[in-house]
């Protein structure tokens, strides 16, 4: 989470990781299934009072951010200059955070 205020860094990391996922057979169809399962694990680890509705909403939004980045990444690595994000679409929980960016 060190880069939460740097969507460019997060996107660049996803572009870097995408080829490995493609090689292992991960497809866009897997991501909507995996996200809610992962969020449920976070909720279980956080306990009933440790994982709020706002946190669930924020993680769901962040998973969508990561998924879109992964889906838009090619199966082979790109040079760093192709990893920029340009449009803002605020999430109600993340308003004011740089992480409220969506891909171009």
C-alpha atoms as a PDB file:
ATOM      1  CA  UNK A   1       0.000   0.000   0.000  1.00  0.00           C
ATOM      2  CA  UNK A   2       3.057   2.251  -0.113  1.00  0.00           C
ATOM      3  CA  UNK A   3       1.922   3.538  -3.515  1.00  0.00           C
ATOM      4  CA  UNK A   4      -1.761   4.147  -2.706  1.00  0.00           C
ATOM      5  CA  UNK A   5      -1.314   7.836  -3.549  1.00  0.00           C
ATOM      6  CA  UNK A   6       0.438   7.002  -6.811  1.00  0.00           C
ATOM      7  CA  UNK A   7      -1.979   5.442  -9.308  1.00  0.00           C
ATOM      8  CA  UNK A   8       0.712   5.616 -11.988  1.00  0.00           C
ATOM      9  CA  UNK A   9       2.928   3.377  -9.840  1.00  0.00           C
ATOM     10  CA  UNK A  10       0.080   0.968  -9.141  1.00  0.00           C
ATOM     11  CA  UNK A  11      -0.830   0.797 -12.822  1.00  0.00           C
ATOM     12  CA  UNK A  12       2.833   0.308 -13.801  1.00  0.00           C
ATOM     13  CA  UNK A  13       3.061  -2.615 -11.364  1.00  0.00           C
ATOM     14  CA  UNK A  14      -0.101  -4.167 -12.816  1.00  0.00           C
ATOM     15  CA  UNK A  15       1.300  -3.788 -16.339  1.00  0.00           C
ATOM     16  CA  UNK A  16       4.457  -5.490 -15.071  1.00  0.00           C
ATOM     17  CA  UNK A  17       2.493  -8.364 -13.480  1.00  0.00           C
ATOM     18  CA  UNK A  18      -0.013  -8.860 -16.318  1.00  0.00           C
ATOM     19  CA  UNK A  19       2.222 -10.959 -18.619  1.00  0.00           C
ATOM     20  CA  UNK A  20       2.825 -13.485 -15.819  1.00  0.00           C
ATOM     21  CA  UNK A  21      -0.912 -13.755 -15.189  1.00  0.00           C
ATOM     22  CA  UNK A  22      -1.605 -14.143 -18.914  1.00  0.00           C
ATOM     23  CA  UNK A  23       0.998 -16.935 -19.147  1.00  0.00           C
ATOM     24  CA  UNK A  24      -0.645 -18.733 -16.208  1.00  0.00           C
ATOM     25  CA  UNK A  25      -4.036 -18.656 -17.898  1.00  0.00           C
ATOM     26  CA  UNK A  26      -5.719 -15.867 -15.949  1.00  0.00           C
ATOM     27  CA  UNK A  27      -8.432 -14.235 -18.055  1.00  0.00           C
ATOM     28  CA  UNK A  28     -10.711 -11.233 -17.601  1.00  0.00           C
ATOM     29  CA  UNK A  29     -13.506 -13.644 -16.663  1.00  0.00           C
ATOM     30  CA  UNK A  30     -11.603 -14.726 -13.545  1.00  0.00           C
ATOM     31  CA  UNK A  31     -11.311 -11.236 -12.063  1.00  0.00           C
ATOM     32  CA  UNK A  32     -14.981 -10.580 -11.155  1.00  0.00           C
ATOM     33  CA  UNK A  33     -15.018 -13.934  -9.334  1.00  0.00           C
ATOM     34  CA  UNK A  34     -11.733 -13.469  -7.506  1.00  0.00           C
ATOM     35  CA  UNK A  35     -12.398  -9.928  -6.257  1.00  0.00           C
ATOM     36  CA  UNK A  36     -15.408 -10.643  -4.037  1.00  0.00           C
ATOM     37  CA  UNK A  37     -13.726 -13.778  -2.670  1.00  0.00           C
ATOM     38  CA  UNK A  38     -10.609 -11.833  -1.749  1.00  0.00           C
ATOM     39  CA  UNK A  39     -12.683  -9.095  -0.123  1.00  0.00           C
ATOM     40  CA  UNK A  40     -14.589 -11.735   1.880  1.00  0.00           C
ATOM     41  CA  UNK A  41     -11.238 -13.056   3.158  1.00  0.00           C
ATOM     42  CA  UNK A  42     -10.255  -9.526   4.228  1.00  0.00           C
ATOM     43  CA  UNK A  43     -13.609  -9.174   6.011  1.00  0.00           C
ATOM     44  CA  UNK A  44     -13.186 -12.503   7.797  1.00  0.00           C
ATOM     45  CA  UNK A  45      -9.689 -11.564   8.935  1.00  0.00           C
ATOM     46  CA  UNK A  46     -10.897  -8.159  10.124  1.00  0.00           C
ATOM     47  CA  UNK A  47     -13.687  -9.582  12.244  1.00  0.00           C
ATOM     48  CA  UNK A  48     -17.194  -8.157  12.597  1.00  0.00           C
ATOM     49  CA  UNK A  49     -16.081  -4.749  13.867  1.00  0.00           C
ATOM     50  CA  UNK A  50     -12.784  -4.530  12.002  1.00  0.00           C
ATOM     51  CA  UNK A  51     -14.047  -4.449   8.416  1.00  0.00           C
ATOM     52  CA  UNK A  52     -16.658  -1.774   7.828  1.00  0.00           C
ATOM     53  CA  UNK A  53     -19.044  -1.294   4.926  1.00  0.00           C
ATOM     54  CA  UNK A  54     -16.902   1.655   3.840  1.00  0.00           C
ATOM     55  CA  UNK A  55     -13.801  -0.542   3.805  1.00  0.00           C
ATOM     56  CA  UNK A  56     -15.609  -3.199   1.768  1.00  0.00           C
ATOM     57  CA  UNK A  57     -16.734  -0.521  -0.696  1.00  0.00           C
ATOM     58  CA  UNK A  58     -13.229   0.915  -0.971  1.00  0.00           C
ATOM     59  CA  UNK A  59     -11.674  -2.534  -1.553  1.00  0.00           C
ATOM     60  CA  UNK A  60     -14.323  -3.354  -4.164  1.00  0.00           C
ATOM     61  CA  UNK A  61     -13.494  -0.127  -5.963  1.00  0.00           C
ATOM     62  CA  UNK A  62      -9.749  -0.786  -5.686  1.00  0.00           C
ATOM     63  CA  UNK A  63     -10.208  -4.319  -7.033  1.00  0.00           C
ATOM     64  CA  UNK A  64     -12.043  -2.836 -10.021  1.00  0.00           C
ATOM     65  CA  UNK A  65      -9.137  -0.417 -10.499  1.00  0.00           C
ATOM     66  CA  UNK A  66      -6.643  -3.295 -10.430  1.00  0.00           C
ATOM     67  CA  UNK A  67      -8.802  -5.473 -12.677  1.00  0.00           C
ATOM     68  CA  UNK A  68      -9.176  -2.791 -15.321  1.00  0.00           C
ATOM     69  CA  UNK A  69      -5.462  -2.174 -15.258  1.00  0.00           C
ATOM     70  CA  UNK A  70      -4.759  -5.894 -15.659  1.00  0.00           C
ATOM     71  CA  UNK A  71      -7.338  -6.318 -18.447  1.00  0.00           C
ATOM     72  CA  UNK A  72      -5.941  -3.356 -20.377  1.00  0.00           C
ATOM     73  CA  UNK A  73      -2.377  -4.619 -20.068  1.00  0.00           C
ATOM     74  CA  UNK A  74      -0.936  -6.526 -23.002  1.00  0.00           C
ATOM     75  CA  UNK A  75       0.352 -10.090 -22.597  1.00  0.00           C
ATOM     76  CA  UNK A  76       3.901  -8.801 -23.171  1.00  0.00           C
ATOM     77  CA  UNK A  77       5.645  -6.036 -21.186  1.00  0.00           C
ATOM     78  CA  UNK A  78       5.352  -2.393 -22.261  1.00  0.00           C
ATOM     79  CA  UNK A  79       7.937   0.345 -21.779  1.00  0.00           C
ATOM     80  CA  UNK A  80       7.294   2.559 -18.692  1.00  0.00           C
ATOM     81  CA  UNK A  81       6.093   5.487 -20.827  1.00  0.00           C
ATOM     82  CA  UNK A  82       2.896   3.525 -21.620  1.00  0.00           C
ATOM     83  CA  UNK A  83       1.746   3.189 -18.018  1.00  0.00           C
ATOM     84  CA  UNK A  84       0.068   6.577 -17.357  1.00  0.00           C
ATOM     85  CA  UNK A  85      -3.466   7.227 -16.090  1.00  0.00           C
ATOM     86  CA  UNK A  86      -5.264  10.377 -17.130  1.00  0.00           C
ATOM     87  CA  UNK A  87      -8.939  10.648 -16.031  1.00  0.00           C
ATOM     88  CA  UNK A  88     -10.391  11.103 -12.556  1.00  0.00           C
ATOM     89  CA  UNK A  89     -13.524   9.254 -11.541  1.00  0.00           C
ATOM     90  CA  UNK A  90     -14.013   9.747  -7.807  1.00  0.00           C
ATOM     91  CA  UNK A  91     -15.167   6.974  -5.527  1.00  0.00           C
ATOM     92  CA  UNK A  92     -17.333   8.163  -2.629  1.00  0.00           C
ATOM     93  CA  UNK A  93     -14.952   6.695  -0.035  1.00  0.00           C
ATOM     94  CA  UNK A  94     -11.764   7.749  -1.808  1.00  0.00           C
ATOM     95  CA  UNK A  95     -12.652  11.345  -2.762  1.00  0.00           C
ATOM     96  CA  UNK A  96      -9.549  13.453  -2.396  1.00  0.00           C
ATOM     97  CA  UNK A  97      -7.183  10.519  -2.833  1.00  0.00           C
ATOM     98  CA  UNK A  98      -5.033  10.083  -5.912  1.00  0.00           C
ATOM     99  CA  UNK A  99      -6.327   6.495  -6.055  1.00  0.00           C
ATOM    100  CA  UNK A 100      -9.591   7.830  -7.497  1.00  0.00           C
ATOM    101  CA  UNK A 101      -8.187   7.587 -11.011  1.00  0.00           C
ATOM    102  CA  UNK A 102      -9.369   5.315 -13.771  1.00  0.00           C
ATOM    103  CA  UNK A 103      -7.431   4.176 -16.818  1.00  0.00           C
ATOM    104  CA  UNK A 104      -7.421   6.007 -20.138  1.00  0.00           C
END
